[in-house]
Amino acid sequence: MSRRIFIDTKWNPKKHENSRKYVCYDPDKDLFFEVDSLTELKEYDEIYMDSSIFPNIWKQLRELVSSGKSVYYFTRP
């Protein structure tokens, strides 16, 4: 069974500035939680994101896709 998660992405215009964390929802556990990096979601097979894909997360997305994860994003939330 594949595990899926839904993500509300964050925007961090300055790499060293603290901003809000990614808000995640696991529908199988009916659980909300936060992570600092998308790479912390390696236990999930399908990652669904809102329409905000920012330049500072491309490296994290590439790492997830390279490890065999499927990443989807909603173009119209």
PDB file of N, CA and C in Angstrom:
ATOM      1  N   MET A   1       0.849  -1.183   0.000  1.00  0.00           N
ATOM      2  CA  MET A   1       0.000   0.000   0.000  1.00  0.00           C
ATOM      3  C   MET A   1       0.892   1.243   0.000  1.00  0.00           C
ATOM      4  N   SER A   2       0.609   2.150  -0.895  1.00  0.00           N
ATOM      5  CA  SER A   2       1.439   3.355  -0.947  1.00  0.00           C
ATOM      6  C   SER A   2       0.927   4.388   0.055  1.00  0.00           C
ATOM      7  N   ARG A   3       1.871   5.060   0.673  1.00  0.00           N
ATOM      8  CA  ARG A   3       1.529   6.093   1.651  1.00  0.00           C
ATOM      9  C   ARG A   3       1.557   7.437   0.965  1.00  0.00           C
ATOM     10  N   ARG A   4       0.575   8.264   1.264  1.00  0.00           N
ATOM     11  CA  ARG A   4       0.510   9.584   0.646  1.00  0.00           C
ATOM     12  C   ARG A   4       0.423  10.663   1.715  1.00  0.00           C
ATOM     13  N   ILE A   5       0.833  11.861   1.316  1.00  0.00           N
ATOM     14  CA  ILE A   5       0.821  13.008   2.220  1.00  0.00           C
ATOM     15  C   ILE A   5       0.517  14.268   1.417  1.00  0.00           C
ATOM     16  N   PHE A   6      -0.146  15.203   2.057  1.00  0.00           N
ATOM     17  CA  PHE A   6      -0.487  16.483   1.446  1.00  0.00           C
ATOM     18  C   PHE A   6       0.302  17.586   2.148  1.00  0.00           C
ATOM     19  N   ILE A   7       0.891  18.497   1.358  1.00  0.00           N
ATOM     20  CA  ILE A   7       1.801  19.500   1.883  1.00  0.00           C
ATOM     21  C   ILE A   7       1.342  20.908   1.524  1.00  0.00           C
ATOM     22  N   ASP A   8       1.407  21.812   2.510  1.00  0.00           N
ATOM     23  CA  ASP A   8       1.264  23.243   2.275  1.00  0.00           C
ATOM     24  C   ASP A   8       2.683  23.787   2.272  1.00  0.00           C
ATOM     25  N   THR A   9       3.171  24.252   1.113  1.00  0.00           N
ATOM     26  CA  THR A   9       4.564  24.682   1.001  1.00  0.00           C
ATOM     27  C   THR A   9       4.795  26.028   1.662  1.00  0.00           C
ATOM     28  N   LYS A  10       6.055  26.305   1.950  1.00  0.00           N
ATOM     29  CA  LYS A  10       6.438  27.572   2.577  1.00  0.00           C
ATOM     30  C   LYS A  10       7.350  28.352   1.637  1.00  0.00           C
ATOM     31  N   TRP A  11       7.465  29.622   1.881  1.00  0.00           N
ATOM     32  CA  TRP A  11       8.358  30.464   1.111  1.00  0.00           C
ATOM     33  C   TRP A  11       9.395  31.051   2.038  1.00  0.00           C
ATOM     34  N   ASN A  12      10.651  30.856   1.716  1.00  0.00           N
ATOM     35  CA  ASN A  12      11.745  31.399   2.505  1.00  0.00           C
ATOM     36  C   ASN A  12      12.661  32.173   1.560  1.00  0.00           C
ATOM     37  N   PRO A  13      12.407  33.483   1.385  1.00  0.00           N
ATOM     38  CA  PRO A  13      13.187  34.251   0.409  1.00  0.00           C
ATOM     39  C   PRO A  13      14.661  34.374   0.758  1.00  0.00           C
ATOM     40  N   LYS A  14      15.001  34.297   2.031  1.00  0.00           N
ATOM     41  CA  LYS A  14      16.399  34.362   2.456  1.00  0.00           C
ATOM     42  C   LYS A  14      16.759  33.027   3.096  1.00  0.00           C
ATOM     43  N   LYS A  15      17.793  32.397   2.602  1.00  0.00           N
ATOM     44  CA  LYS A  15      18.138  31.051   3.051  1.00  0.00           C
ATOM     45  C   LYS A  15      18.361  30.948   4.558  1.00  0.00           C
ATOM     46  N   HIS A  16      18.882  31.981   5.177  1.00  0.00           N
ATOM     47  CA  HIS A  16      19.216  31.891   6.593  1.00  0.00           C
ATOM     48  C   HIS A  16      18.145  32.478   7.503  1.00  0.00           C
ATOM     49  N   GLU A  17      17.062  32.929   6.913  1.00  0.00           N
ATOM     50  CA  GLU A  17      15.979  33.494   7.719  1.00  0.00           C
ATOM     51  C   GLU A  17      14.988  32.397   8.088  1.00  0.00           C
ATOM     52  N   ASN A  18      14.599  32.350   9.348  1.00  0.00           N
ATOM     53  CA  ASN A  18      13.616  31.356   9.771  1.00  0.00           C
ATOM     54  C   ASN A  18      12.244  31.739   9.248  1.00  0.00           C
ATOM     55  N   SER A  19      11.568  30.797   8.681  1.00  0.00           N
ATOM     56  CA  SER A  19      10.194  31.024   8.232  1.00  0.00           C
ATOM     57  C   SER A  19       9.360  29.847   8.719  1.00  0.00           C
ATOM     58  N   ARG A  20       8.086  29.882   8.407  1.00  0.00           N
ATOM     59  CA  ARG A  20       7.226  28.813   8.896  1.00  0.00           C
ATOM     60  C   ARG A  20       7.617  27.479   8.280  1.00  0.00           C
ATOM     61  N   LYS A  21       7.243  26.426   8.934  1.00  0.00           N
ATOM     62  CA  LYS A  21       7.568  25.084   8.468  1.00  0.00           C
ATOM     63  C   LYS A  21       6.546  24.623   7.439  1.00  0.00           C
ATOM     64  N   TYR A  22       6.855  23.528   6.761  1.00  0.00           N
ATOM     65  CA  TYR A  22       5.881  22.911   5.864  1.00  0.00           C
ATOM     66  C   TYR A  22       4.808  22.251   6.723  1.00  0.00           C
ATOM     67  N   VAL A  23       3.566  22.507   6.409  1.00  0.00           N
ATOM     68  CA  VAL A  23       2.467  21.883   7.134  1.00  0.00           C
ATOM     69  C   VAL A  23       2.038  20.656   6.335  1.00  0.00           C
ATOM     70  N   CYS A  24       1.973  19.503   6.996  1.00  0.00           N
ATOM     71  CA  CYS A  24       1.702  18.236   6.337  1.00  0.00           C
ATOM     72  C   CYS A  24       0.438  17.602   6.905  1.00  0.00           C
ATOM     73  N   TYR A  25      -0.257  16.879   6.028  1.00  0.00           N
ATOM     74  CA  TYR A  25      -1.435  16.128   6.473  1.00  0.00           C
ATOM     75  C   TYR A  25      -1.321  14.702   5.973  1.00  0.00           C
ATOM     76  N   ASP A  26      -1.374  13.757   6.895  1.00  0.00           N
ATOM     77  CA  ASP A  26      -1.353  12.329   6.581  1.00  0.00           C
ATOM     78  C   ASP A  26      -2.793  11.823   6.693  1.00  0.00           C
ATOM     79  N   PRO A  27      -3.468  11.553   5.558  1.00  0.00           N
ATOM     80  CA  PRO A  27      -4.873  11.133   5.614  1.00  0.00           C
ATOM     81  C   PRO A  27      -5.085   9.746   6.212  1.00  0.00           C
ATOM     82  N   ASP A  28      -4.085   8.878   6.143  1.00  0.00           N
ATOM     83  CA  ASP A  28      -4.225   7.539   6.717  1.00  0.00           C
ATOM     84  C   ASP A  28      -4.278   7.585   8.240  1.00  0.00           C
ATOM     85  N   LYS A  29      -3.499   8.481   8.822  1.00  0.00           N
ATOM     86  CA  LYS A  29      -3.477   8.629  10.277  1.00  0.00           C
ATOM     87  C   LYS A  29      -4.370   9.769  10.765  1.00  0.00           C
ATOM     88  N   ASP A  30      -4.925  10.552   9.806  1.00  0.00           N
ATOM     89  CA  ASP A  30      -5.706  11.749  10.125  1.00  0.00           C
ATOM     90  C   ASP A  30      -4.905  12.640  11.073  1.00  0.00           C
ATOM     91  N   LEU A  31      -3.682  12.987  10.624  1.00  0.00           N
ATOM     92  CA  LEU A  31      -2.728  13.684  11.464  1.00  0.00           C
ATOM     93  C   LEU A  31      -2.110  14.867  10.720  1.00  0.00           C
ATOM     94  N   PHE A  32      -2.055  16.024  11.378  1.00  0.00           N
ATOM     95  CA  PHE A  32      -1.344  17.195  10.877  1.00  0.00           C
ATOM     96  C   PHE A  32      -0.021  17.295  11.631  1.00  0.00           C
ATOM     97  N   PHE A  33       1.054  17.668  10.914  1.00  0.00           N
ATOM     98  CA  PHE A  33       2.344  17.889  11.557  1.00  0.00           C
ATOM     99  C   PHE A  33       3.168  18.820  10.683  1.00  0.00           C
ATOM    100  N   GLU A  34       4.303  19.272  11.201  1.00  0.00           N
ATOM    101  CA  GLU A  34       5.167  20.188  10.481  1.00  0.00           C
ATOM    102  C   GLU A  34       6.561  19.585  10.303  1.00  0.00           C
ATOM    103  N   VAL A  35       7.201  19.946   9.186  1.00  0.00           N
ATOM    104  CA  VAL A  35       8.585  19.545   8.941  1.00  0.00           C
ATOM    105  C   VAL A  35       9.361  20.754   8.437  1.00  0.00           C
ATOM    106  N   ASP A  36      10.670  20.732   8.645  1.00  0.00           N
ATOM    107  CA  ASP A  36      11.534  21.815   8.167  1.00  0.00           C
ATOM    108  C   ASP A  36      11.910  21.630   6.698  1.00  0.00           C
ATOM    109  N   SER A  37      12.004  20.376   6.265  1.00  0.00           N
ATOM    110  CA  SER A  37      12.448  20.069   4.914  1.00  0.00           C
ATOM    111  C   SER A  37      11.585  18.956   4.325  1.00  0.00           C
ATOM    112  N   LEU A  38      11.353  19.034   3.029  1.00  0.00           N
ATOM    113  CA  LEU A  38      10.578  17.985   2.357  1.00  0.00           C
ATOM    114  C   LEU A  38      11.305  16.651   2.364  1.00  0.00           C
ATOM    115  N   THR A  39      12.611  16.677   2.502  1.00  0.00           N
ATOM    116  CA  THR A  39      13.382  15.430   2.519  1.00  0.00           C
ATOM    117  C   THR A  39      13.106  14.600   3.766  1.00  0.00           C
ATOM    118  N   GLU A  40      12.435  15.164   4.751  1.00  0.00           N
ATOM    119  CA  GLU A  40      12.056  14.413   5.948  1.00  0.00           C
ATOM    120  C   GLU A  40      10.880  13.469   5.672  1.00  0.00           C
ATOM    121  N   LEU A  41      10.302  13.544   4.502  1.00  0.00           N
ATOM    122  CA  LEU A  41       9.098  12.770   4.167  1.00  0.00           C
ATOM    123  C   LEU A  41       9.422  11.507   3.388  1.00  0.00           C
ATOM    124  N   LYS A  42      10.558  10.903   3.620  1.00  0.00           N
ATOM    125  CA  LYS A  42      10.995   9.736   2.849  1.00  0.00           C
ATOM    126  C   LYS A  42      10.147   8.496   3.076  1.00  0.00           C
ATOM    127  N   GLU A  43       9.363   8.453   4.124  1.00  0.00           N
ATOM    128  CA  GLU A  43       8.511   7.283   4.364  1.00  0.00           C
ATOM    129  C   GLU A  43       7.242   7.301   3.508  1.00  0.00           C
ATOM    130  N   TYR A  44       7.006   8.399   2.807  1.00  0.00           N
ATOM    131  CA  TYR A  44       5.808   8.520   1.968  1.00  0.00           C
ATOM    132  C   TYR A  44       6.156   8.262   0.509  1.00  0.00           C
ATOM    133  N   ASP A  45       5.241   7.583  -0.196  1.00  0.00           N
ATOM    134  CA  ASP A  45       5.462   7.262  -1.606  1.00  0.00           C
ATOM    135  C   ASP A  45       4.899   8.326  -2.542  1.00  0.00           C
ATOM    136  N   GLU A  46       3.786   8.942  -2.156  1.00  0.00           N
ATOM    137  CA  GLU A  46       3.126   9.959  -2.968  1.00  0.00           C
ATOM    138  C   GLU A  46       3.035  11.248  -2.170  1.00  0.00           C
ATOM    139  N   ILE A  47       3.567  12.322  -2.741  1.00  0.00           N
ATOM    140  CA  ILE A  47       3.589  13.616  -2.070  1.00  0.00           C
ATOM    141  C   ILE A  47       2.797  14.598  -2.922  1.00  0.00           C
ATOM    142  N   TYR A  48       1.733  15.135  -2.342  1.00  0.00           N
ATOM    143  CA  TYR A  48       0.862  16.092  -3.028  1.00  0.00           C
ATOM    144  C   TYR A  48       1.097  17.472  -2.434  1.00  0.00           C
ATOM    145  N   MET A  49       1.349  18.452  -3.299  1.00  0.00           N
ATOM    146  CA  MET A  49       1.677  19.797  -2.833  1.00  0.00           C
ATOM    147  C   MET A  49       0.685  20.810  -3.365  1.00  0.00           C
ATOM    148  N   ASP A  50       0.573  21.942  -2.649  1.00  0.00           N
ATOM    149  CA  ASP A  50      -0.275  23.017  -3.150  1.00  0.00           C
ATOM    150  C   ASP A  50       0.400  23.650  -4.365  1.00  0.00           C
ATOM    151  N   SER A  51      -0.193  24.655  -4.932  1.00  0.00           N
ATOM    152  CA  SER A  51       0.307  25.202  -6.194  1.00  0.00           C
ATOM    153  C   SER A  51       1.546  26.075  -6.046  1.00  0.00           C
ATOM    154  N   SER A  52       2.043  26.259  -4.851  1.00  0.00           N
ATOM    155  CA  SER A  52       3.193  27.137  -4.633  1.00  0.00           C
ATOM    156  C   SER A  52       4.491  26.348  -4.609  1.00  0.00           C
ATOM    157  N   ILE A  53       5.133  26.220  -5.753  1.00  0.00           N
ATOM    158  CA  ILE A  53       6.437  25.565  -5.810  1.00  0.00           C
ATOM    159  C   ILE A  53       7.472  26.668  -5.992  1.00  0.00           C
ATOM    160  N   PHE A  54       8.260  26.891  -4.959  1.00  0.00           N
ATOM    161  CA  PHE A  54       9.217  27.988  -4.946  1.00  0.00           C
ATOM    162  C   PHE A  54      10.607  27.504  -5.325  1.00  0.00           C
ATOM    163  N   PRO A  55      11.443  28.426  -5.828  1.00  0.00           N
ATOM    164  CA  PRO A  55      12.793  28.042  -6.270  1.00  0.00           C
ATOM    165  C   PRO A  55      13.632  27.369  -5.191  1.00  0.00           C
ATOM    166  N   ASN A  56      13.428  27.715  -3.933  1.00  0.00           N
ATOM    167  CA  ASN A  56      14.287  27.159  -2.893  1.00  0.00           C
ATOM    168  C   ASN A  56      13.955  25.714  -2.524  1.00  0.00           C
ATOM    169  N   ILE A  57      12.942  25.099  -3.142  1.00  0.00           N
ATOM    170  CA  ILE A  57      12.626  23.706  -2.803  1.00  0.00           C
ATOM    171  C   ILE A  57      12.936  22.722  -3.932  1.00  0.00           C
ATOM    172  N   TRP A  58      13.480  23.203  -5.043  1.00  0.00           N
ATOM    173  CA  TRP A  58      13.759  22.300  -6.164  1.00  0.00           C
ATOM    174  C   TRP A  58      14.759  21.208  -5.784  1.00  0.00           C
ATOM    175  N   LYS A  59      15.769  21.548  -5.012  1.00  0.00           N
ATOM    176  CA  LYS A  59      16.773  20.554  -4.611  1.00  0.00           C
ATOM    177  C   LYS A  59      16.120  19.458  -3.760  1.00  0.00           C
ATOM    178  N   GLN A  60      15.214  19.848  -2.860  1.00  0.00           N
ATOM    179  CA  GLN A  60      14.516  18.875  -2.025  1.00  0.00           C
ATOM    180  C   GLN A  60      13.622  17.974  -2.873  1.00  0.00           C
ATOM    181  N   LEU A  61      12.926  18.563  -3.841  1.00  0.00           N
ATOM    182  CA  LEU A  61      12.050  17.780  -4.724  1.00  0.00           C
ATOM    183  C   LEU A  61      12.865  16.799  -5.568  1.00  0.00           C
ATOM    184  N   ARG A  62      14.006  17.250  -6.065  1.00  0.00           N
ATOM    185  CA  ARG A  62      14.858  16.374  -6.880  1.00  0.00           C
ATOM    186  C   ARG A  62      15.327  15.171  -6.073  1.00  0.00           C
ATOM    187  N   GLU A  63      15.664  15.394  -4.813  1.00  0.00           N
ATOM    188  CA  GLU A  63      16.104  14.304  -3.951  1.00  0.00           C
ATOM    189  C   GLU A  63      14.980  13.286  -3.731  1.00  0.00           C
ATOM    190  N   LEU A  64      13.760  13.771  -3.538  1.00  0.00           N
ATOM    191  CA  LEU A  64      12.618  12.866  -3.350  1.00  0.00           C
ATOM    192  C   LEU A  64      12.336  12.053  -4.605  1.00  0.00           C
ATOM    193  N   VAL A  65      12.310  12.725  -5.755  1.00  0.00           N
ATOM    194  CA  VAL A  65      12.027  12.043  -7.022  1.00  0.00           C
ATOM    195  C   VAL A  65      13.133  11.046  -7.353  1.00  0.00           C
ATOM    196  N   SER A  66      14.376  11.410  -7.075  1.00  0.00           N
ATOM    197  CA  SER A  66      15.510  10.511  -7.336  1.00  0.00           C
ATOM    198  C   SER A  66      15.442   9.244  -6.503  1.00  0.00           C
ATOM    199  N   SER A  67      14.797   9.329  -5.341  1.00  0.00           N
ATOM    200  CA  SER A  67      14.685   8.148  -4.483  1.00  0.00           C
ATOM    201  C   SER A  67      13.418   7.341  -4.774  1.00  0.00           C
ATOM    202  N   GLY A  68      12.726   7.669  -5.893  1.00  0.00           N
ATOM    203  CA  GLY A  68      11.588   6.874  -6.324  1.00  0.00           C
ATOM    204  C   GLY A  68      10.232   7.355  -5.834  1.00  0.00           C
ATOM    205  N   LYS A  69      10.183   8.514  -5.206  1.00  0.00           N
ATOM    206  CA  LYS A  69       8.903   9.057  -4.722  1.00  0.00           C
ATOM    207  C   LYS A  69       8.193   9.767  -5.862  1.00  0.00           C
ATOM    208  N   SER A  70       6.864   9.784  -5.818  1.00  0.00           N
ATOM    209  CA  SER A  70       6.071  10.522  -6.793  1.00  0.00           C
ATOM    210  C   SER A  70       5.634  11.834  -6.160  1.00  0.00           C
ATOM    211  N   VAL A  71       5.863  12.933  -6.877  1.00  0.00           N
ATOM    212  CA  VAL A  71       5.486  14.251  -6.375  1.00  0.00           C
ATOM    213  C   VAL A  71       4.472  14.853  -7.338  1.00  0.00           C
ATOM    214  N   TYR A  72       3.345  15.290  -6.791  1.00  0.00           N
ATOM    215  CA  TYR A  72       2.278  15.910  -7.567  1.00  0.00           C
ATOM    216  C   TYR A  72       2.000  17.290  -6.984  1.00  0.00           C
ATOM    217  N   TYR A  73       1.580  18.218  -7.834  1.00  0.00           N
ATOM    218  CA  TYR A  73       1.177  19.500  -7.285  1.00  0.00           C
ATOM    219  C   TYR A  73      -0.117  19.956  -7.963  1.00  0.00           C
ATOM    220  N   PHE A  74      -0.901  20.663  -7.158  1.00  0.00           N
ATOM    221  CA  PHE A  74      -2.185  21.162  -7.628  1.00  0.00           C
ATOM    222  C   PHE A  74      -1.964  22.504  -8.306  1.00  0.00           C
ATOM    223  N   THR A  75      -2.408  22.637  -9.548  1.00  0.00           N
ATOM    224  CA  THR A  75      -2.212  23.902 -10.245  1.00  0.00           C
ATOM    225  C   THR A  75      -3.277  24.918  -9.863  1.00  0.00           C
ATOM    226  N   ARG A  76      -4.398  24.457  -9.349  1.00  0.00           N
ATOM    227  CA  ARG A  76      -5.468  25.362  -8.914  1.00  0.00           C
ATOM    228  C   ARG A  76      -6.049  24.855  -7.603  1.00  0.00           C
ATOM    229  N   PRO A  77      -5.547  25.400  -6.501  1.00  0.00           N
ATOM    230  CA  PRO A  77      -5.994  24.896  -5.197  1.00  0.00           C
ATOM    231  C   PRO A  77      -7.462  25.192  -4.907  1.00  0.00           C
TER     232      PRO A  77
END
